[in-house]
Amino acid sequence: MDLRHGWRSCPRNRAGAAPDKARVFREAARFLKSGGRLALSDIVTEAQLPESIVCNSTLGAACIGGATQQDGYRSLIEAAGLRVKAVEDNPAYAFIFDNAKGASRKYGVKSVSLLAVKA
């Protein structure tokens, strides 16, 4: 990544597609300078997803299969050395597939935006 243009203060989000989100957040924290921000949107859940949801290819394509429970998501970010400043639901985000809508209702799957800062 070219650091000459100040990008080091706010890297792009790639956590959503990563199977090891903890590693992504550790790398973001390592990369950020003090006071740098990590701003992202991702799909999270309010309840633990069963294996039948996690392994469903349609729900995986809808970003539900790889979703992390919201409290755990925040813990991964904080464990990486970042301080979560704000988390907001994105109620305008709409799932397209019927089974994705069902999983959203049943397990509290939703889109959130988050801002974290490196101390």
PDB file of N, CA and C in Angstrom:
ATOM      1  N   MET A   1       0.850  -1.183   0.000  1.00  0.00           N
ATOM      2  CA  MET A   1       0.000   0.000   0.000  1.00  0.00           C
ATOM      3  C   MET A   1       0.889   1.238   0.000  1.00  0.00           C
ATOM      4  N   ASP A   2       0.586   2.187  -0.821  1.00  0.00           N
ATOM      5  CA  ASP A   2       1.345   3.422  -0.934  1.00  0.00           C
ATOM      6  C   ASP A   2       1.004   4.343   0.226  1.00  0.00           C
ATOM      7  N   LEU A   3       1.965   4.605   1.085  1.00  0.00           N
ATOM      8  CA  LEU A   3       1.727   5.423   2.273  1.00  0.00           C
ATOM      9  C   LEU A   3       1.974   6.909   2.035  1.00  0.00           C
ATOM     10  N   ARG A   4       2.429   7.285   0.863  1.00  0.00           N
ATOM     11  CA  ARG A   4       2.745   8.689   0.611  1.00  0.00           C
ATOM     12  C   ARG A   4       1.523   9.590   0.612  1.00  0.00           C
ATOM     13  N   HIS A   5       0.358   9.033   0.445  1.00  0.00           N
ATOM     14  CA  HIS A   5      -0.844   9.847   0.329  1.00  0.00           C
ATOM     15  C   HIS A   5      -1.698   9.844   1.592  1.00  0.00           C
ATOM     16  N   GLY A   6      -1.155   9.398   2.718  1.00  0.00           N
ATOM     17  CA  GLY A   6      -1.867   9.483   3.983  1.00  0.00           C
ATOM     18  C   GLY A   6      -2.848   8.370   4.251  1.00  0.00           C
ATOM     19  N   TRP A   7      -2.853   7.322   3.425  1.00  0.00           N
ATOM     20  CA  TRP A   7      -3.819   6.237   3.609  1.00  0.00           C
ATOM     21  C   TRP A   7      -3.595   5.475   4.907  1.00  0.00           C
ATOM     22  N   ARG A   8      -2.473   5.671   5.526  1.00  0.00           N
ATOM     23  CA  ARG A   8      -2.159   4.919   6.728  1.00  0.00           C
ATOM     24  C   ARG A   8      -3.084   5.272   7.889  1.00  0.00           C
ATOM     25  N   SER A   9      -3.816   6.343   7.789  1.00  0.00           N
ATOM     26  CA  SER A   9      -4.711   6.711   8.882  1.00  0.00           C
ATOM     27  C   SER A   9      -6.071   6.034   8.779  1.00  0.00           C
ATOM     28  N   CYS A  10      -6.390   5.401   7.638  1.00  0.00           N
ATOM     29  CA  CYS A  10      -7.717   4.768   7.507  1.00  0.00           C
ATOM     30  C   CYS A  10      -7.683   3.713   6.398  1.00  0.00           C
ATOM     31  N   PRO A  11      -7.281   2.459   6.721  1.00  0.00           N
ATOM     32  CA  PRO A  11      -7.226   1.427   5.683  1.00  0.00           C
ATOM     33  C   PRO A  11      -8.618   0.997   5.233  1.00  0.00           C
ATOM     34  N   ARG A  12      -8.702   0.400   4.054  1.00  0.00           N
ATOM     35  CA  ARG A  12      -9.981  -0.091   3.524  1.00  0.00           C
ATOM     36  C   ARG A  12     -10.394  -1.366   4.247  1.00  0.00           C
ATOM     37  N   ASN A  13     -11.680  -1.558   4.369  1.00  0.00           N
ATOM     38  CA  ASN A  13     -12.228  -2.748   5.016  1.00  0.00           C
ATOM     39  C   ASN A  13     -12.150  -3.949   4.083  1.00  0.00           C
ATOM     40  N   ARG A  14     -11.569  -5.026   4.571  1.00  0.00           N
ATOM     41  CA  ARG A  14     -11.580  -6.308   3.882  1.00  0.00           C
ATOM     42  C   ARG A  14     -11.980  -7.410   4.860  1.00  0.00           C
ATOM     43  N   ALA A  15     -12.472  -7.036   6.042  1.00  0.00           N
ATOM     44  CA  ALA A  15     -12.794  -8.024   7.074  1.00  0.00           C
ATOM     45  C   ALA A  15     -13.971  -8.892   6.687  1.00  0.00           C
ATOM     46  N   GLY A  16     -14.969  -8.320   6.025  1.00  0.00           N
ATOM     47  CA  GLY A  16     -16.190  -9.053   5.737  1.00  0.00           C
ATOM     48  C   GLY A  16     -15.970 -10.359   5.003  1.00  0.00           C
ATOM     49  N   ALA A  17     -15.061 -10.393   4.050  1.00  0.00           N
ATOM     50  CA  ALA A  17     -14.830 -11.593   3.255  1.00  0.00           C
ATOM     51  C   ALA A  17     -13.774 -12.507   3.867  1.00  0.00           C
ATOM     52  N   ALA A  18     -13.137 -12.086   4.927  1.00  0.00           N
ATOM     53  CA  ALA A  18     -12.035 -12.856   5.509  1.00  0.00           C
ATOM     54  C   ALA A  18     -12.531 -13.917   6.480  1.00  0.00           C
ATOM     55  N   PRO A  19     -12.037 -15.149   6.343  1.00  0.00           N
ATOM     56  CA  PRO A  19     -12.427 -16.182   7.299  1.00  0.00           C
ATOM     57  C   PRO A  19     -11.796 -15.962   8.679  1.00  0.00           C
ATOM     58  N   ASP A  20     -10.656 -15.270   8.744  1.00  0.00           N
ATOM     59  CA  ASP A  20      -9.970 -15.007  10.008  1.00  0.00           C
ATOM     60  C   ASP A  20     -10.026 -13.503  10.292  1.00  0.00           C
ATOM     61  N   LYS A  21     -11.175 -13.048  10.777  1.00  0.00           N
ATOM     62  CA  LYS A  21     -11.368 -11.621  11.037  1.00  0.00           C
ATOM     63  C   LYS A  21     -10.395 -11.099  12.086  1.00  0.00           C
ATOM     64  N   ALA A  22     -10.057 -11.906  13.084  1.00  0.00           N
ATOM     65  CA  ALA A  22      -9.115 -11.473  14.126  1.00  0.00           C
ATOM     66  C   ALA A  22      -7.786 -11.070  13.498  1.00  0.00           C
ATOM     67  N   ARG A  23      -7.333 -11.844  12.530  1.00  0.00           N
ATOM     68  CA  ARG A  23      -6.070 -11.521  11.855  1.00  0.00           C
ATOM     69  C   ARG A  23      -6.172 -10.202  11.084  1.00  0.00           C
ATOM     70  N   VAL A  24      -7.304 -10.000  10.411  1.00  0.00           N
ATOM     71  CA  VAL A  24      -7.504  -8.754   9.667  1.00  0.00           C
ATOM     72  C   VAL A  24      -7.435  -7.556  10.618  1.00  0.00           C
ATOM     73  N   PHE A  25      -8.092  -7.665  11.776  1.00  0.00           N
ATOM     74  CA  PHE A  25      -8.097  -6.557  12.723  1.00  0.00           C
ATOM     75  C   PHE A  25      -6.714  -6.339  13.348  1.00  0.00           C
ATOM     76  N   ARG A  26      -5.974  -7.424  13.594  1.00  0.00           N
ATOM     77  CA  ARG A  26      -4.599  -7.274  14.104  1.00  0.00           C
ATOM     78  C   ARG A  26      -3.722  -6.552  13.088  1.00  0.00           C
ATOM     79  N   GLU A  27      -3.882  -6.930  11.822  1.00  0.00           N
ATOM     80  CA  GLU A  27      -3.099  -6.273  10.768  1.00  0.00           C
ATOM     81  C   GLU A  27      -3.483  -4.799  10.630  1.00  0.00           C
ATOM     82  N   ALA A  28      -4.769  -4.504  10.730  1.00  0.00           N
ATOM     83  CA  ALA A  28      -5.207  -3.102  10.651  1.00  0.00           C
ATOM     84  C   ALA A  28      -4.601  -2.316  11.809  1.00  0.00           C
ATOM     85  N   ALA A  29      -4.611  -2.893  13.009  1.00  0.00           N
ATOM     86  CA  ALA A  29      -4.054  -2.207  14.178  1.00  0.00           C
ATOM     87  C   ALA A  29      -2.546  -2.021  14.014  1.00  0.00           C
ATOM     88  N   ARG A  30      -1.877  -3.017  13.475  1.00  0.00           N
ATOM     89  CA  ARG A  30      -0.426  -2.910  13.259  1.00  0.00           C
ATOM     90  C   ARG A  30      -0.118  -1.818  12.241  1.00  0.00           C
ATOM     91  N   PHE A  31      -0.938  -1.736  11.234  1.00  0.00           N
ATOM     92  CA  PHE A  31      -0.730  -0.806  10.134  1.00  0.00           C
ATOM     93  C   PHE A  31      -1.044   0.639  10.510  1.00  0.00           C
ATOM     94  N   LEU A  32      -2.052   0.848  11.362  1.00  0.00           N
ATOM     95  CA  LEU A  32      -2.482   2.206  11.708  1.00  0.00           C
ATOM     96  C   LEU A  32      -1.472   2.914  12.595  1.00  0.00           C
ATOM     97  N   LYS A  33      -1.341   4.191  12.383  1.00  0.00           N
ATOM     98  CA  LYS A  33      -0.556   4.999  13.304  1.00  0.00           C
ATOM     99  C   LYS A  33      -1.461   5.413  14.462  1.00  0.00           C
ATOM    100  N   SER A  34      -0.897   5.891  15.535  1.00  0.00           N
ATOM    101  CA  SER A  34      -1.673   6.327  16.698  1.00  0.00           C
ATOM    102  C   SER A  34      -2.703   7.371  16.270  1.00  0.00           C
ATOM    103  N   GLY A  35      -3.951   7.182  16.682  1.00  0.00           N
ATOM    104  CA  GLY A  35      -5.028   8.082  16.289  1.00  0.00           C
ATOM    105  C   GLY A  35      -5.679   7.711  14.968  1.00  0.00           C
ATOM    106  N   GLY A  36      -5.111   6.711  14.265  1.00  0.00           N
ATOM    107  CA  GLY A  36      -5.673   6.266  12.992  1.00  0.00           C
ATOM    108  C   GLY A  36      -7.026   5.602  13.209  1.00  0.00           C
ATOM    109  N   ARG A  37      -7.876   5.671  12.194  1.00  0.00           N
ATOM    110  CA  ARG A  37      -9.246   5.163  12.296  1.00  0.00           C
ATOM    111  C   ARG A  37      -9.466   3.951  11.409  1.00  0.00           C
ATOM    112  N   LEU A  38     -10.268   3.055  11.921  1.00  0.00           N
ATOM    113  CA  LEU A  38     -10.753   1.932  11.141  1.00  0.00           C
ATOM    114  C   LEU A  38     -12.262   2.110  11.053  1.00  0.00           C
ATOM    115  N   ALA A  39     -12.759   2.396   9.867  1.00  0.00           N
ATOM    116  CA  ALA A  39     -14.192   2.578   9.650  1.00  0.00           C
ATOM    117  C   ALA A  39     -14.644   1.490   8.695  1.00  0.00           C
ATOM    118  N   LEU A  40     -15.692   0.762   9.072  1.00  0.00           N
ATOM    119  CA  LEU A  40     -16.141  -0.333   8.231  1.00  0.00           C
ATOM    120  C   LEU A  40     -17.623  -0.594   8.399  1.00  0.00           C
ATOM    121  N   SER A  41     -18.159  -1.299   7.433  1.00  0.00           N
ATOM    122  CA  SER A  41     -19.519  -1.835   7.502  1.00  0.00           C
ATOM    123  C   SER A  41     -19.401  -3.326   7.287  1.00  0.00           C
ATOM    124  N   ASP A  42     -20.198  -4.083   8.014  1.00  0.00           N
ATOM    125  CA  ASP A  42     -20.143  -5.529   7.884  1.00  0.00           C
ATOM    126  C   ASP A  42     -21.478  -6.119   8.329  1.00  0.00           C
ATOM    127  N   ILE A  43     -21.641  -7.404   8.075  1.00  0.00           N
ATOM    128  CA  ILE A  43     -22.831  -8.130   8.494  1.00  0.00           C
ATOM    129  C   ILE A  43     -22.504  -8.854   9.801  1.00  0.00           C
ATOM    130  N   VAL A  44     -23.340  -8.663  10.815  1.00  0.00           N
ATOM    131  CA  VAL A  44     -23.171  -9.309  12.120  1.00  0.00           C
ATOM    132  C   VAL A  44     -24.485  -9.958  12.516  1.00  0.00           C
ATOM    133  N   THR A  45     -24.446 -10.760  13.582  1.00  0.00           N
ATOM    134  CA  THR A  45     -25.645 -11.420  14.077  1.00  0.00           C
ATOM    135  C   THR A  45     -25.855 -11.095  15.550  1.00  0.00           C
ATOM    136  N   GLU A  46     -27.089 -11.179  15.983  1.00  0.00           N
ATOM    137  CA  GLU A  46     -27.385 -11.017  17.398  1.00  0.00           C
ATOM    138  C   GLU A  46     -27.310 -12.358  18.124  1.00  0.00           C
ATOM    139  N   ALA A  47     -27.503 -13.465  17.403  1.00  0.00           N
ATOM    140  CA  ALA A  47     -27.472 -14.803  17.990  1.00  0.00           C
ATOM    141  C   ALA A  47     -26.459 -15.661  17.233  1.00  0.00           C
ATOM    142  N   GLN A  48     -25.947 -16.668  17.903  1.00  0.00           N
ATOM    143  CA  GLN A  48     -25.016 -17.605  17.272  1.00  0.00           C
ATOM    144  C   GLN A  48     -25.720 -18.333  16.128  1.00  0.00           C
ATOM    145  N   LEU A  49     -25.070 -18.412  14.980  1.00  0.00           N
ATOM    146  CA  LEU A  49     -25.650 -19.096  13.829  1.00  0.00           C
ATOM    147  C   LEU A  49     -25.393 -20.593  13.909  1.00  0.00           C
ATOM    148  N   PRO A  50     -26.400 -21.405  13.590  1.00  0.00           N
ATOM    149  CA  PRO A  50     -26.181 -22.847  13.562  1.00  0.00           C
ATOM    150  C   PRO A  50     -25.375 -23.239  12.326  1.00  0.00           C
ATOM    151  N   GLU A  51     -24.812 -24.426  12.356  1.00  0.00           N
ATOM    152  CA  GLU A  51     -23.999 -24.942  11.250  1.00  0.00           C
ATOM    153  C   GLU A  51     -24.775 -24.968   9.929  1.00  0.00           C
ATOM    154  N   SER A  52     -26.070 -25.221  10.000  1.00  0.00           N
ATOM    155  CA  SER A  52     -26.882 -25.279   8.778  1.00  0.00           C
ATOM    156  C   SER A  52     -26.921 -23.926   8.055  1.00  0.00           C
ATOM    157  N   ILE A  53     -26.781 -22.842   8.791  1.00  0.00           N
ATOM    158  CA  ILE A  53     -26.743 -21.501   8.189  1.00  0.00           C
ATOM    159  C   ILE A  53     -25.327 -21.200   7.696  1.00  0.00           C
ATOM    160  N   VAL A  54     -24.350 -21.497   8.527  1.00  0.00           N
ATOM    161  CA  VAL A  54     -22.952 -21.202   8.194  1.00  0.00           C
ATOM    162  C   VAL A  54     -22.522 -21.936   6.922  1.00  0.00           C
ATOM    163  N   CYS A  55     -22.993 -23.154   6.737  1.00  0.00           N
ATOM    164  CA  CYS A  55     -22.583 -23.974   5.588  1.00  0.00           C
ATOM    165  C   CYS A  55     -23.499 -23.837   4.372  1.00  0.00           C
ATOM    166  N   ASN A  56     -24.509 -22.986   4.443  1.00  0.00           N
ATOM    167  CA  ASN A  56     -25.438 -22.807   3.337  1.00  0.00           C
ATOM    168  C   ASN A  56     -24.812 -21.882   2.301  1.00  0.00           C
ATOM    169  N   SER A  57     -24.616 -22.385   1.071  1.00  0.00           N
ATOM    170  CA  SER A  57     -23.917 -21.592   0.046  1.00  0.00           C
ATOM    171  C   SER A  57     -24.682 -20.331  -0.343  1.00  0.00           C
ATOM    172  N   THR A  58     -26.010 -20.395  -0.387  1.00  0.00           N
ATOM    173  CA  THR A  58     -26.794 -19.199  -0.722  1.00  0.00           C
ATOM    174  C   THR A  58     -26.637 -18.139   0.361  1.00  0.00           C
ATOM    175  N   LEU A  59     -26.676 -18.569   1.617  1.00  0.00           N
ATOM    176  CA  LEU A  59     -26.522 -17.612   2.708  1.00  0.00           C
ATOM    177  C   LEU A  59     -25.084 -17.117   2.803  1.00  0.00           C
ATOM    178  N   GLY A  60     -24.145 -17.927   2.381  1.00  0.00           N
ATOM    179  CA  GLY A  60     -22.753 -17.471   2.310  1.00  0.00           C
ATOM    180  C   GLY A  60     -22.606 -16.377   1.267  1.00  0.00           C
ATOM    181  N   ALA A  61     -23.249 -16.560   0.127  1.00  0.00           N
ATOM    182  CA  ALA A  61     -23.216 -15.546  -0.929  1.00  0.00           C
ATOM    183  C   ALA A  61     -23.907 -14.262  -0.499  1.00  0.00           C
ATOM    184  N   ALA A  62     -24.862 -14.389   0.417  1.00  0.00           N
ATOM    185  CA  ALA A  62     -25.575 -13.213   0.922  1.00  0.00           C
ATOM    186  C   ALA A  62     -24.852 -12.589   2.117  1.00  0.00           C
ATOM    187  N   CYS A  63     -23.628 -13.059   2.403  1.00  0.00           N
ATOM    188  CA  CYS A  63     -22.788 -12.547   3.492  1.00  0.00           C
ATOM    189  C   CYS A  63     -23.301 -12.932   4.879  1.00  0.00           C
ATOM    190  N   ILE A  64     -24.257 -13.832   4.958  1.00  0.00           N
ATOM    191  CA  ILE A  64     -24.781 -14.247   6.254  1.00  0.00           C
ATOM    192  C   ILE A  64     -23.974 -15.403   6.820  1.00  0.00           C
ATOM    193  N   GLY A  65     -23.592 -16.356   5.971  1.00  0.00           N
ATOM    194  CA  GLY A  65     -22.869 -17.533   6.425  1.00  0.00           C
ATOM    195  C   GLY A  65     -21.592 -17.218   7.187  1.00  0.00           C
ATOM    196  N   GLY A  66     -20.907 -16.168   6.806  1.00  0.00           N
ATOM    197  CA  GLY A  66     -19.652 -15.799   7.472  1.00  0.00           C
ATOM    198  C   GLY A  66     -19.803 -14.722   8.529  1.00  0.00           C
ATOM    199  N   ALA A  67     -21.033 -14.379   8.864  1.00  0.00           N
ATOM    200  CA  ALA A  67     -21.260 -13.306   9.839  1.00  0.00           C
ATOM    201  C   ALA A  67     -20.835 -13.729  11.242  1.00  0.00           C
ATOM    202  N   THR A  68     -20.308 -12.784  11.989  1.00  0.00           N
ATOM    203  CA  THR A  68     -19.863 -12.999  13.369  1.00  0.00           C
ATOM    204  C   THR A  68     -20.889 -12.386  14.315  1.00  0.00           C
ATOM    205  N   GLN A  69     -21.042 -12.997  15.467  1.00  0.00           N
ATOM    206  CA  GLN A  69     -21.945 -12.445  16.476  1.00  0.00           C
ATOM    207  C   GLN A  69     -21.434 -11.051  16.877  1.00  0.00           C
ATOM    208  N   GLN A  70     -22.340 -10.081  17.009  1.00  0.00           N
ATOM    209  CA  GLN A  70     -21.965  -8.685  17.196  1.00  0.00           C
ATOM    210  C   GLN A  70     -21.028  -8.466  18.376  1.00  0.00           C
ATOM    211  N   ASP A  71     -21.307  -9.056  19.525  1.00  0.00           N
ATOM    212  CA  ASP A  71     -20.431  -8.865  20.686  1.00  0.00           C
ATOM    213  C   ASP A  71     -19.042  -9.435  20.437  1.00  0.00           C
ATOM    214  N   GLY A  72     -18.986 -10.582  19.784  1.00  0.00           N
ATOM    215  CA  GLY A  72     -17.708 -11.194  19.453  1.00  0.00           C
ATOM    216  C   GLY A  72     -16.924 -10.379  18.442  1.00  0.00           C
ATOM    217  N   TYR A  73     -17.643  -9.775  17.507  1.00  0.00           N
ATOM    218  CA  TYR A  73     -17.020  -8.925  16.489  1.00  0.00           C
ATOM    219  C   TYR A  73     -16.306  -7.753  17.155  1.00  0.00           C
ATOM    220  N   ARG A  74     -17.014  -7.115  18.072  1.00  0.00           N
ATOM    221  CA  ARG A  74     -16.441  -5.986  18.800  1.00  0.00           C
ATOM    222  C   ARG A  74     -15.237  -6.436  19.627  1.00  0.00           C
ATOM    223  N   SER A  75     -15.350  -7.605  20.252  1.00  0.00           N
ATOM    224  CA  SER A  75     -14.239  -8.136  21.059  1.00  0.00           C
ATOM    225  C   SER A  75     -13.004  -8.403  20.205  1.00  0.00           C
ATOM    226  N   LEU A  76     -13.190  -8.904  18.981  1.00  0.00           N
ATOM    227  CA  LEU A  76     -12.056  -9.137  18.086  1.00  0.00           C
ATOM    228  C   LEU A  76     -11.326  -7.831  17.774  1.00  0.00           C
ATOM    229  N   ILE A  77     -12.084  -6.786  17.545  1.00  0.00           N
ATOM    230  CA  ILE A  77     -11.491  -5.481  17.234  1.00  0.00           C
ATOM    231  C   ILE A  77     -10.734  -4.936  18.437  1.00  0.00           C
ATOM    232  N   GLU A  78     -11.342  -5.031  19.608  1.00  0.00           N
ATOM    233  CA  GLU A  78     -10.692  -4.521  20.819  1.00  0.00           C
ATOM    234  C   GLU A  78      -9.472  -5.357  21.196  1.00  0.00           C
ATOM    235  N   ALA A  79      -9.529  -6.672  20.978  1.00  0.00           N
ATOM    236  CA  ALA A  79      -8.387  -7.542  21.264  1.00  0.00           C
ATOM    237  C   ALA A  79      -7.201  -7.208  20.364  1.00  0.00           C
ATOM    238  N   ALA A  80      -7.477  -6.631  19.211  1.00  0.00           N
ATOM    239  CA  ALA A  80      -6.417  -6.241  18.285  1.00  0.00           C
ATOM    240  C   ALA A  80      -5.740  -4.935  18.710  1.00  0.00           C
ATOM    241  N   GLY A  81      -6.280  -4.274  19.737  1.00  0.00           N
ATOM    242  CA  GLY A  81      -5.666  -3.039  20.222  1.00  0.00           C
ATOM    243  C   GLY A  81      -6.340  -1.777  19.731  1.00  0.00           C
ATOM    244  N   LEU A  82      -7.562  -1.909  19.225  1.00  0.00           N
ATOM    245  CA  LEU A  82      -8.316  -0.743  18.767  1.00  0.00           C
ATOM    246  C   LEU A  82      -9.448  -0.459  19.748  1.00  0.00           C
ATOM    247  N   ARG A  83      -9.814   0.795  19.857  1.00  0.00           N
ATOM    248  CA  ARG A  83     -10.913   1.201  20.747  1.00  0.00           C
ATOM    249  C   ARG A  83     -12.143   1.512  19.892  1.00  0.00           C
ATOM    250  N   VAL A  84     -13.220   0.778  20.119  1.00  0.00           N
ATOM    251  CA  VAL A  84     -14.451   0.999  19.363  1.00  0.00           C
ATOM    252  C   VAL A  84     -15.112   2.275  19.875  1.00  0.00           C
ATOM    253  N   LYS A  85     -15.305   3.222  18.976  1.00  0.00           N
ATOM    254  CA  LYS A  85     -15.908   4.510  19.330  1.00  0.00           C
ATOM    255  C   LYS A  85     -17.409   4.551  19.041  1.00  0.00           C
ATOM    256  N   ALA A  86     -17.843   3.866  17.989  1.00  0.00           N
ATOM    257  CA  ALA A  86     -19.256   3.918  17.612  1.00  0.00           C
ATOM    258  C   ALA A  86     -19.631   2.683  16.813  1.00  0.00           C
ATOM    259  N   VAL A  87     -20.848   2.206  17.044  1.00  0.00           N
ATOM    260  CA  VAL A  87     -21.444   1.127  16.253  1.00  0.00           C
ATOM    261  C   VAL A  87     -22.874   1.551  15.947  1.00  0.00           C
ATOM    262  N   GLU A  88     -23.231   1.538  14.683  1.00  0.00           N
ATOM    263  CA  GLU A  88     -24.586   1.921  14.277  1.00  0.00           C
ATOM    264  C   GLU A  88     -25.168   0.870  13.349  1.00  0.00           C
ATOM    265  N   ASP A  89     -26.426   0.524  13.589  1.00  0.00           N
ATOM    266  CA  ASP A  89     -27.143  -0.354  12.665  1.00  0.00           C
ATOM    267  C   ASP A  89     -27.399   0.393  11.357  1.00  0.00           C
ATOM    268  N   ASN A  90     -27.431  -0.362  10.266  1.00  0.00           N
ATOM    269  CA  ASN A  90     -27.777   0.186   8.951  1.00  0.00           C
ATOM    270  C   ASN A  90     -29.132  -0.380   8.542  1.00  0.00           C
ATOM    271  N   PRO A  91     -30.233   0.186   9.055  1.00  0.00           N
ATOM    272  CA  PRO A  91     -31.560  -0.392   8.796  1.00  0.00           C
ATOM    273  C   PRO A  91     -31.985  -0.350   7.331  1.00  0.00           C
ATOM    274  N   ALA A  92     -31.362   0.473   6.529  1.00  0.00           N
ATOM    275  CA  ALA A  92     -31.727   0.550   5.112  1.00  0.00           C
ATOM    276  C   ALA A  92     -31.170  -0.631   4.313  1.00  0.00           C
ATOM    277  N   TYR A  93     -30.206  -1.363   4.895  1.00  0.00           N
ATOM    278  CA  TYR A  93     -29.633  -2.519   4.200  1.00  0.00           C
ATOM    279  C   TYR A  93     -30.690  -3.612   4.109  1.00  0.00           C
ATOM    280  N   ALA A  94     -30.936  -4.124   2.917  1.00  0.00           N
ATOM    281  CA  ALA A  94     -31.975  -5.143   2.729  1.00  0.00           C
ATOM    282  C   ALA A  94     -31.386  -6.386   2.080  1.00  0.00           C
ATOM    283  N   PHE A  95     -31.665  -7.539   2.674  1.00  0.00           N
ATOM    284  CA  PHE A  95     -31.275  -8.805   2.068  1.00  0.00           C
ATOM    285  C   PHE A  95     -32.250  -9.119   0.931  1.00  0.00           C
ATOM    286  N   ILE A  96     -31.758  -9.744  -0.123  1.00  0.00           N
ATOM    287  CA  ILE A  96     -32.565  -9.998  -1.314  1.00  0.00           C
ATOM    288  C   ILE A  96     -33.236 -11.366  -1.279  1.00  0.00           C
ATOM    289  N   PHE A  97     -32.483 -12.410  -0.949  1.00  0.00           N
ATOM    290  CA  PHE A  97     -32.996 -13.781  -0.984  1.00  0.00           C
ATOM    291  C   PHE A  97     -33.969 -14.029   0.163  1.00  0.00           C
ATOM    292  N   ASP A  98     -35.012 -14.811  -0.108  1.00  0.00           N
ATOM    293  CA  ASP A  98     -36.012 -15.119   0.920  1.00  0.00           C
ATOM    294  C   ASP A  98     -35.406 -15.815   2.124  1.00  0.00           C
ATOM    295  N   ASN A  99     -34.506 -16.798   1.881  1.00  0.00           N
ATOM    296  CA  ASN A  99     -33.920 -17.481   3.028  1.00  0.00           C
ATOM    297  C   ASN A  99     -32.967 -16.570   3.802  1.00  0.00           C
ATOM    298  N   ALA A 100     -32.390 -15.584   3.152  1.00  0.00           N
ATOM    299  CA  ALA A 100     -31.562 -14.595   3.852  1.00  0.00           C
ATOM    300  C   ALA A 100     -32.438 -13.702   4.720  1.00  0.00           C
ATOM    301  N   LYS A 101     -33.606 -13.340   4.200  1.00  0.00           N
ATOM    302  CA  LYS A 101     -34.544 -12.544   4.994  1.00  0.00           C
ATOM    303  C   LYS A 101     -35.006 -13.327   6.215  1.00  0.00           C
ATOM    304  N   GLY A 102     -35.243 -14.624   6.049  1.00  0.00           N
ATOM    305  CA  GLY A 102     -35.660 -15.471   7.163  1.00  0.00           C
ATOM    306  C   GLY A 102     -34.573 -15.583   8.220  1.00  0.00           C
ATOM    307  N   ALA A 103     -33.333 -15.774   7.789  1.00  0.00           N
ATOM    308  CA  ALA A 103     -32.210 -15.859   8.730  1.00  0.00           C
ATOM    309  C   ALA A 103     -32.022 -14.523   9.441  1.00  0.00           C
ATOM    310  N   SER A 104     -32.252 -13.450   8.714  1.00  0.00           N
ATOM    311  CA  SER A 104     -32.127 -12.126   9.312  1.00  0.00           C
ATOM    312  C   SER A 104     -33.129 -11.947  10.445  1.00  0.00           C
ATOM    313  N   ARG A 105     -34.361 -12.360  10.194  1.00  0.00           N
ATOM    314  CA  ARG A 105     -35.390 -12.246  11.245  1.00  0.00           C
ATOM    315  C   ARG A 105     -35.112 -13.182  12.417  1.00  0.00           C
ATOM    316  N   LYS A 106     -34.749 -14.415  12.117  1.00  0.00           N
ATOM    317  CA  LYS A 106     -34.600 -15.433  13.164  1.00  0.00           C
ATOM    318  C   LYS A 106     -33.348 -15.232  14.024  1.00  0.00           C
ATOM    319  N   TYR A 107     -32.235 -14.823  13.412  1.00  0.00           N
ATOM    320  CA  TYR A 107     -30.967 -14.738  14.134  1.00  0.00           C
ATOM    321  C   TYR A 107     -30.463 -13.305  14.331  1.00  0.00           C
ATOM    322  N   GLY A 108     -31.274 -12.340  13.932  1.00  0.00           N
ATOM    323  CA  GLY A 108     -30.870 -10.946  14.104  1.00  0.00           C
ATOM    324  C   GLY A 108     -29.687 -10.565  13.237  1.00  0.00           C
ATOM    325  N   VAL A 109     -29.640 -11.106  12.017  1.00  0.00           N
ATOM    326  CA  VAL A 109     -28.562 -10.762  11.095  1.00  0.00           C
ATOM    327  C   VAL A 109     -28.830  -9.361  10.561  1.00  0.00           C
ATOM    328  N   LYS A 110     -27.807  -8.524  10.595  1.00  0.00           N
ATOM    329  CA  LYS A 110     -27.988  -7.130  10.178  1.00  0.00           C
ATOM    330  C   LYS A 110     -26.669  -6.521   9.736  1.00  0.00           C
ATOM    331  N   SER A 111     -26.764  -5.400   9.081  1.00  0.00           N
ATOM    332  CA  SER A 111     -25.604  -4.624   8.680  1.00  0.00           C
ATOM    333  C   SER A 111     -25.335  -3.557   9.742  1.00  0.00           C
ATOM    334  N   VAL A 112     -24.062  -3.399  10.090  1.00  0.00           N
ATOM    335  CA  VAL A 112     -23.666  -2.345  11.020  1.00  0.00           C
ATOM    336  C   VAL A 112     -22.474  -1.580  10.431  1.00  0.00           C
ATOM    337  N   SER A 113     -22.346  -0.350  10.861  1.00  0.00           N
ATOM    338  CA  SER A 113     -21.156   0.450  10.575  1.00  0.00           C
ATOM    339  C   SER A 113     -20.444   0.671  11.888  1.00  0.00           C
ATOM    340  N   LEU A 114     -19.123   0.642  11.846  1.00  0.00           N
ATOM    341  CA  LEU A 114     -18.338   0.716  13.068  1.00  0.00           C
ATOM    342  C   LEU A 114     -17.156   1.649  12.872  1.00  0.00           C
ATOM    343  N   LEU A 115     -16.817   2.380  13.907  1.00  0.00           N
ATOM    344  CA  LEU A 115     -15.628   3.228  13.906  1.00  0.00           C
ATOM    345  C   LEU A 115     -14.775   2.847  15.100  1.00  0.00           C
ATOM    346  N   ALA A 116     -13.515   2.520  14.841  1.00  0.00           N
ATOM    347  CA  ALA A 116     -12.553   2.202  15.898  1.00  0.00           C
ATOM    348  C   ALA A 116     -11.322   3.055  15.702  1.00  0.00           C
ATOM    349  N   VAL A 117     -10.613   3.320  16.791  1.00  0.00           N
ATOM    350  CA  VAL A 117      -9.435   4.187  16.757  1.00  0.00           C
ATOM    351  C   VAL A 117      -8.267   3.486  17.451  1.00  0.00           C
ATOM    352  N   LYS A 118      -7.089   3.661  16.899  1.00  0.00           N
ATOM    353  CA  LYS A 118      -5.889   3.143  17.553  1.00  0.00           C
ATOM    354  C   LYS A 118      -5.388   4.192  18.529  1.00  0.00           C
ATOM    355  N   ALA A 119      -5.152   3.766  19.745  1.00  0.00           N
ATOM    356  CA  ALA A 119      -4.680   4.696  20.800  1.00  0.00           C
ATOM    357  C   ALA A 119      -3.285   5.205  20.490  1.00  0.00           C
TER     358      ALA A 119
END
